[in-house]
Protein backbone atom coordinates (compact mmCIF):
# COMPACT_ATOMS: atom_id res chain seq x y z
CA MET A 1 57.86 -48.63 -49.47
CA ALA A 2 60.45 -50.46 -51.57
CA GLU A 3 64.00 -49.26 -50.96
CA VAL A 4 67.56 -49.83 -52.07
CA ILE A 5 70.09 -50.13 -49.24
CA PHE A 6 73.75 -49.55 -50.09
CA HIS A 7 76.24 -51.68 -48.17
CA ARG A 8 79.29 -50.51 -50.15
CA ALA A 9 79.67 -47.61 -52.56
CA GLY A 10 82.79 -46.26 -54.20
CA PRO A 11 83.24 -42.68 -55.43
CA GLY A 12 81.39 -41.29 -58.43
CA ILE A 13 77.96 -42.88 -57.87
CA THR A 14 75.02 -40.49 -58.18
CA VAL A 15 71.32 -40.45 -58.97
CA GLN A 16 70.77 -39.11 -62.50
CA ASP A 17 67.94 -38.48 -64.92
CA LEU A 18 67.74 -36.38 -68.10
CA GLY A 19 68.52 -33.21 -66.12
CA ARG A 20 66.99 -29.76 -65.69
CA THR A 21 66.05 -27.29 -68.40
CA GLY A 22 65.17 -23.61 -68.18
CA TYR A 23 67.73 -22.49 -65.59
CA LEU A 24 70.64 -21.25 -67.70
CA ALA A 25 69.75 -17.62 -66.89
CA GLN A 26 70.10 -18.48 -63.20
CA GLY A 27 73.55 -20.05 -63.76
CA LEU A 28 72.43 -23.69 -63.57
CA SER A 29 73.39 -25.99 -66.45
CA ARG A 30 71.26 -28.95 -67.48
CA GLY A 31 73.22 -31.66 -65.68
CA GLY A 32 71.74 -35.14 -65.89
CA ALA A 33 73.26 -38.38 -67.15
CA ALA A 34 76.63 -38.23 -68.89
CA ASP A 35 75.41 -40.88 -71.36
CA ARG A 36 71.82 -39.86 -72.05
CA LEU A 37 71.25 -42.71 -74.50
CA ALA A 38 71.83 -45.19 -71.67
CA LEU A 39 68.78 -43.77 -69.86
CA HIS A 40 66.62 -44.32 -72.94
CA GLU A 41 67.96 -47.87 -73.26
CA GLY A 42 67.16 -48.66 -69.63
CA ALA A 43 63.68 -47.19 -69.97
CA THR A 44 63.08 -49.32 -73.06
CA LEU A 45 64.18 -52.50 -71.29
CA LEU A 46 61.76 -51.79 -68.44
CA GLY A 47 58.96 -50.26 -70.50
CA GLN A 48 58.93 -46.95 -68.62
CA ASP A 49 59.53 -43.22 -69.07
CA PRO A 50 63.18 -42.26 -69.86
CA HIS A 51 62.84 -39.44 -67.31
CA CYS A 52 62.86 -42.04 -64.50
CA ALA A 53 65.90 -41.54 -62.27
CA ALA A 54 68.60 -44.20 -62.25
CA LEU A 55 72.03 -44.75 -60.70
CA GLU A 56 75.05 -43.49 -62.64
CA ILE A 57 78.28 -45.31 -61.77
CA ALA A 58 81.46 -43.61 -62.97
CA GLY A 59 83.99 -46.46 -63.08
CA SER A 60 83.29 -47.36 -59.45
CA PHE A 61 81.84 -50.25 -57.44
CA LEU A 62 78.82 -50.85 -55.26
CA SER A 63 76.96 -53.47 -53.25
CA LEU A 64 73.25 -53.05 -52.53
CA GLU A 65 70.22 -54.87 -51.22
CA LEU A 66 66.58 -54.67 -52.32
CA THR A 67 63.86 -54.63 -49.67
CA ALA A 68 61.19 -55.79 -52.16
CA PRO A 69 61.04 -57.67 -55.47
CA ARG A 70 62.04 -55.38 -58.29
CA ARG A 71 62.93 -55.41 -61.97
CA ILE A 72 66.27 -53.85 -62.89
CA ALA A 73 68.08 -53.00 -66.10
CA LEU A 74 71.81 -52.61 -66.75
CA THR A 75 73.05 -50.23 -69.46
CA GLY A 76 76.04 -48.09 -70.38
CA ALA A 77 79.63 -49.25 -69.88
CA PRO A 78 79.56 -52.98 -69.01
CA MET A 79 80.44 -53.97 -65.46
CA GLN A 80 80.77 -57.29 -63.68
CA ALA A 81 77.33 -57.85 -62.15
CA VAL A 82 76.65 -60.58 -59.58
CA CYS A 83 73.40 -61.17 -57.73
CA ASP A 84 73.55 -63.60 -54.79
CA GLY A 85 76.54 -65.31 -56.40
CA ALA A 86 75.06 -65.61 -59.91
CA ALA A 87 76.30 -63.57 -62.88
CA LEU A 88 73.93 -61.15 -64.59
CA VAL A 89 74.04 -60.27 -68.27
CA TRP A 90 74.77 -56.62 -69.03
CA HIS A 91 72.59 -54.63 -71.48
CA ALA A 92 69.60 -56.55 -70.20
CA SER A 93 66.71 -56.52 -67.72
CA HIS A 94 66.33 -58.91 -64.78
CA ALA A 95 63.76 -59.66 -62.05
CA LEU A 96 65.31 -59.75 -58.58
CA PRO A 97 63.61 -61.05 -55.41
CA ALA A 98 63.29 -59.20 -52.12
CA GLY A 99 66.51 -59.34 -50.12
CA ALA A 100 68.63 -59.85 -53.24
CA ARG A 101 72.24 -58.69 -52.87
CA LEU A 102 73.61 -57.08 -56.03
CA ASP A 103 77.34 -56.43 -56.47
CA LEU A 104 78.75 -54.37 -59.35
CA SER A 105 82.46 -53.92 -60.06
CA PRO A 106 84.17 -52.10 -62.95
CA ARG A 107 85.67 -53.71 -66.01
CA THR A 108 86.91 -50.93 -68.29
CA GLY A 109 85.61 -47.74 -66.65
CA GLY A 110 83.17 -45.36 -68.30
CA TYR A 111 79.65 -44.53 -67.17
CA SER A 112 77.38 -47.42 -66.18
CA TYR A 113 73.70 -47.26 -65.27
CA LEU A 114 71.51 -49.29 -62.95
CA HIS A 115 67.80 -48.75 -63.54
CA PHE A 116 64.92 -49.83 -61.31
CA GLY A 117 61.35 -50.51 -62.31
CA GLY A 118 59.44 -47.39 -61.23
CA GLY A 119 62.66 -45.35 -60.97
CA ILE A 120 64.34 -43.84 -57.91
CA ASP A 121 61.65 -41.82 -56.15
CA LEU A 122 63.57 -38.96 -54.56
CA PRO A 123 61.76 -35.61 -54.17
CA PRO A 124 62.41 -33.50 -57.31
CA LEU A 125 64.65 -30.44 -56.92
CA LEU A 126 63.99 -27.72 -59.52
CA GLY A 127 62.09 -30.20 -61.63
CA ALA A 128 64.54 -33.12 -61.60
CA ARG A 129 65.98 -35.80 -59.32
CA ALA A 130 69.47 -35.65 -60.84
CA ALA A 131 72.38 -34.83 -58.59
CA HIS A 132 74.23 -31.74 -59.84
CA LEU A 133 77.31 -31.75 -57.65
CA ALA A 134 78.80 -28.57 -59.12
CA ALA A 135 75.64 -26.70 -58.11
CA GLY A 136 75.28 -28.37 -54.70
CA LEU A 137 72.15 -30.32 -55.65
CA GLY A 138 72.13 -33.88 -54.32
CA GLN A 139 75.18 -35.84 -53.28
CA MET A 140 77.19 -38.94 -54.04
CA ILE A 141 75.88 -42.27 -52.84
CA LYS A 142 77.78 -43.75 -49.89
CA ALA A 143 77.55 -46.84 -47.69
CA GLY A 144 74.41 -46.67 -45.56
CA THR A 145 72.41 -44.62 -48.10
CA ARG A 146 68.81 -45.73 -48.57
CA LEU A 147 66.90 -44.71 -51.70
CA PRO A 148 63.12 -45.06 -52.16
CA LEU A 149 61.80 -46.68 -55.33
CA GLY A 150 58.65 -45.70 -57.19
CA HIS A 151 55.78 -48.04 -58.04
CA ASP A 152 56.75 -50.48 -60.77
CA PRO A 153 53.70 -51.14 -62.95
CA GLY A 154 55.57 -53.44 -65.33
CA HIS A 155 56.14 -57.19 -65.27
CA CYS A 156 58.33 -57.95 -68.29
CA SER A 157 62.02 -58.76 -67.74
CA GLY A 158 64.65 -61.02 -69.23
CA GLN A 159 65.07 -58.76 -72.28
CA THR A 160 68.30 -57.75 -73.99
CA PHE A 161 69.46 -55.71 -76.99
CA THR A 162 72.59 -54.76 -78.93
CA PRO A 163 73.67 -51.27 -77.80
CA LEU A 164 74.76 -48.56 -80.20
CA ALA A 165 78.54 -48.85 -80.65
CA ARG A 166 80.04 -46.10 -78.50
CA PHE A 167 82.54 -47.80 -76.21
CA ASP A 168 85.68 -47.72 -78.39
CA GLY A 169 86.08 -44.06 -79.35
CA GLY A 170 85.73 -43.08 -82.99
CA LEU A 171 84.47 -40.07 -84.92
CA LEU A 172 82.79 -37.14 -83.16
CA ARG A 173 80.77 -34.77 -85.34
CA MET A 174 80.69 -31.08 -84.47
CA VAL A 175 79.22 -27.81 -85.70
CA ALA A 176 80.91 -24.43 -85.85
CA THR A 177 80.54 -21.97 -82.96
CA PRO A 178 80.54 -18.14 -83.00
CA GLN A 179 84.31 -18.31 -82.35
CA THR A 180 85.23 -20.93 -84.96
CA ARG A 181 85.90 -18.18 -87.49
CA LEU A 182 88.61 -16.79 -85.16
CA PHE A 183 90.70 -19.93 -85.72
CA PRO A 184 92.83 -19.93 -88.88
CA LYS A 185 91.75 -22.51 -91.43
CA ALA A 186 95.06 -24.30 -90.96
CA ILE A 187 94.36 -24.83 -87.23
CA CYS A 188 90.82 -26.06 -87.91
CA ALA A 189 92.12 -28.46 -90.54
CA ARG A 190 94.84 -29.74 -88.22
CA PHE A 191 92.27 -30.21 -85.46
CA THR A 192 90.15 -32.49 -87.68
CA GLN A 193 93.27 -34.40 -88.79
CA THR A 194 94.59 -34.99 -85.27
CA GLN A 195 94.12 -38.20 -83.30
CA PHE A 196 93.07 -37.43 -79.73
CA ARG A 197 92.67 -39.53 -76.63
CA LYS A 198 91.09 -38.84 -73.25
CA ASP A 199 93.02 -37.52 -70.29
CA ALA A 200 92.45 -39.69 -67.22
CA ARG A 201 91.64 -36.53 -65.28
CA ALA A 202 87.98 -35.74 -65.98
CA ASN A 203 84.68 -35.19 -64.24
CA ARG A 204 81.08 -34.44 -65.09
CA MET A 205 81.99 -30.84 -65.92
CA GLY A 206 84.45 -31.54 -68.72
CA GLN A 207 86.96 -33.83 -70.42
CA LYS A 208 90.49 -32.75 -71.37
CA LEU A 209 91.88 -34.21 -74.58
CA LEU A 210 95.46 -35.35 -75.15
CA TRP A 211 97.32 -35.32 -78.46
CA ASP A 212 100.82 -35.21 -79.95
CA GLY A 213 102.14 -32.05 -81.56
CA ALA A 214 101.49 -28.32 -81.32
CA GLY A 215 98.51 -26.83 -79.54
CA PHE A 216 95.45 -25.15 -81.02
CA GLY A 217 95.54 -21.82 -79.18
CA LEU A 218 94.90 -18.33 -80.55
CA ASP A 219 97.02 -15.23 -80.05
CA THR A 220 93.77 -13.40 -79.21
CA GLY A 221 92.28 -16.35 -77.36
CA LEU A 222 92.02 -14.60 -74.00
CA GLN A 223 90.43 -11.42 -75.34
CA ILE A 224 86.92 -12.57 -76.25
CA LEU A 225 83.84 -11.76 -74.18
CA SER A 226 82.25 -14.47 -72.06
CA ASP A 227 79.03 -15.86 -73.48
CA THR A 228 76.70 -18.85 -73.09
CA ILE A 229 78.21 -22.31 -73.30
CA VAL A 230 76.56 -25.74 -73.47
CA PRO A 231 77.56 -29.41 -73.14
CA GLY A 232 79.57 -30.44 -76.18
CA ASP A 233 81.40 -27.12 -76.58
CA ILE A 234 85.13 -27.61 -77.21
CA GLN A 235 87.00 -24.86 -75.42
CA ILE A 236 90.62 -24.15 -76.31
CA THR A 237 92.53 -22.89 -73.28
CA GLY A 238 95.41 -20.43 -73.34
CA ASP A 239 97.98 -23.23 -73.70
CA GLY A 240 96.15 -24.64 -76.73
CA ALA A 241 94.59 -27.65 -74.98
CA PRO A 242 91.03 -28.71 -75.94
CA PHE A 243 88.43 -29.34 -73.24
CA VAL A 244 85.04 -30.82 -74.15
CA LEU A 245 82.34 -29.54 -71.80
CA LEU A 246 79.97 -32.11 -70.31
CA SER A 247 76.64 -32.19 -68.49
CA GLU A 248 77.65 -30.19 -65.39
CA CYS A 249 79.60 -27.51 -67.24
CA GLN A 250 79.34 -23.85 -66.26
CA THR A 251 76.79 -21.73 -68.14
CA THR A 252 79.16 -19.01 -69.42
CA GLY A 253 82.79 -19.01 -70.48
CA GLY A 254 85.46 -16.88 -72.08
CA TYR A 255 87.67 -19.43 -73.79
CA PRO A 256 87.21 -19.63 -77.58
CA ARG A 257 85.32 -22.69 -78.80
CA ILE A 258 86.57 -24.36 -81.95
CA GLY A 259 83.38 -26.42 -82.31
CA THR A 260 80.46 -28.08 -80.51
CA VAL A 261 80.07 -31.88 -80.47
CA LEU A 262 76.59 -33.05 -81.46
CA PRO A 263 74.54 -34.26 -78.46
CA CYS A 264 74.11 -37.71 -79.97
CA ASP A 265 77.92 -38.14 -80.21
CA LEU A 266 78.79 -37.11 -76.65
CA GLY A 267 78.13 -40.66 -75.44
CA ARG A 268 80.97 -41.85 -77.68
CA LEU A 269 83.31 -39.41 -75.92
CA VAL A 270 82.32 -40.12 -72.31
CA GLN A 271 82.29 -43.89 -72.85
CA ALA A 272 85.62 -44.12 -74.72
CA PRO A 273 88.43 -45.78 -72.74
CA PRO A 274 91.52 -43.60 -72.16
CA GLU A 275 93.56 -45.32 -74.89
CA ALA A 276 90.84 -45.13 -77.55
CA ALA A 277 91.40 -42.88 -80.58
CA LEU A 278 89.04 -39.92 -81.04
CA HIS A 279 88.69 -37.85 -84.21
CA PHE A 280 86.59 -34.79 -85.03
CA THR A 281 84.88 -33.58 -88.18
CA PHE A 282 82.75 -30.55 -88.98
CA VAL A 283 79.19 -30.91 -90.28
CA SER A 284 76.85 -28.13 -91.33
CA LEU A 285 74.04 -26.97 -89.08
CA GLN A 286 71.51 -28.46 -91.50
CA GLU A 287 73.31 -31.81 -91.41
CA ALA A 288 73.46 -31.68 -87.61
CA VAL A 289 69.72 -31.09 -87.33
CA GLN A 290 69.01 -34.06 -89.59
CA ILE A 291 71.45 -36.28 -87.66
CA GLU A 292 69.76 -35.38 -84.37
CA ARG A 293 66.31 -36.00 -85.83
CA THR A 294 67.42 -39.40 -87.07
CA GLU A 295 68.83 -40.25 -83.65
CA ALA A 296 65.62 -39.12 -81.91
CA ALA A 297 63.60 -41.36 -84.23
CA ARG A 298 65.95 -44.27 -83.51
CA ARG A 299 65.45 -43.80 -79.75
CA GLU A 300 61.70 -43.98 -80.28
CA THR A 301 62.05 -47.38 -81.93
CA LEU A 302 64.50 -48.96 -79.47
CA GLY A 303 61.79 -51.33 -78.34
CA LYS A 304 61.84 -53.08 -81.72
CA SER A 305 65.41 -54.22 -81.06
CA LEU A 306 64.60 -56.04 -77.82
CA ARG A 307 64.89 -59.81 -77.73
CA PRO A 308 64.59 -62.39 -74.94
CA LEU A 309 67.73 -63.47 -73.14
CA LEU A 310 66.72 -67.09 -73.73
CA ARG A 311 65.10 -68.19 -76.97
CA ASP A 312 61.68 -69.82 -76.57
CA PRO A 313 61.69 -73.20 -78.42
CA HIS A 314 58.13 -72.41 -79.59
CA ASP A 315 59.54 -69.43 -81.53
CA MET A 316 62.55 -71.25 -83.02
CA ALA A 317 61.77 -72.01 -86.66
CA ASP A 318 65.11 -73.85 -86.96
CA LEU A 319 64.63 -75.97 -83.82
CA LEU A 320 65.12 -79.29 -85.69
CA ALA A 321 68.53 -78.08 -86.90
CA TYR A 322 69.88 -78.35 -83.34
CA GLN A 323 71.49 -81.56 -82.05
CA LEU A 324 69.66 -81.60 -78.74
CA ILE A 325 70.79 -85.01 -77.43
CA SER A 326 74.50 -84.29 -77.55
CA GLY A 327 73.82 -80.96 -75.89
CA VAL A 328 72.60 -82.49 -72.64
CA THR A 329 74.77 -81.51 -69.65
CA CYS A 330 74.99 -82.75 -66.08
CA GLY A 331 72.95 -81.10 -63.37
CA ASP A 332 75.82 -79.05 -61.96
CA ASP A 333 76.75 -77.68 -65.38
CA LEU A 334 73.13 -76.90 -66.18
CA GLU A 335 72.74 -75.00 -62.94
CA SER A 336 75.80 -72.88 -63.72
CA GLU A 337 74.50 -72.14 -67.21
CA ARG A 338 71.23 -70.71 -65.86
CA SER A 339 73.14 -67.88 -64.12
CA TRP A 340 70.24 -65.45 -63.73
CA PHE A 341 69.30 -65.02 -67.36
């Protein structure tokens, strides 16, 4: 059986998939990858099901070894990736030989994903392989961990794509919640006009937001009944601070929620660097449904955006426009340029 052996592993590395559904009544939230789009991107690069489990790396580092040849894909927040001394391109797929040593180190933080052809083949727990640390399901990867890999039926690698822009903050769309009406219109307007940034203190349960100025609390904010909450809900605590709930959030809560971030925009929040500006705007429920449908359709067509890492001269209609002779390099330079593309 093909395995991955971890020689070094920093904190915040877990196995993740798209999570578990159907357990809210039992107090278990969905969990799964913080950046769900990154799982779809990795699946597209490898031509496999997006439910395949991958490694999620939360601004950490790792060093691993493969016991058998295997295709991999790298998505999410870019990291420095080196295999046996050669650099690997991020947002791309690669074919690695047996015994290959892969080292990943952070660049800007965020959530990064390492996918394997065939996926990580851990036994499913409650219908998923995702670690849900808040619920005690699974655990963080550490040095000495060995993970089994599933059968990889594919052969294509050396593909890349341009990821959806979500690594520099930006606008987050949200819909109203049952408690939005409790907030005065002036507070809601100020919330959408405020520039936020991420607090460095965060985990897979939630992200606190920082801002300048007065808070957004309610005089009656601690008097509402607890009800169901979901990832994307923006809770306003008693001191007026906003917290955006993420994949491992609790299933019920009593803080008022000023809005709920659309699922397709949560990746922009979790992947934003701490200094990036974040803004919020309300959209109607009908608009939100259409936005999500459009995003689902875009995920289905990700494969059309793939392109080879190296252009095949046979497919280059403008080949004669290139000055090939002056582009010749010495052997040492040529070897460095190959760098595992």
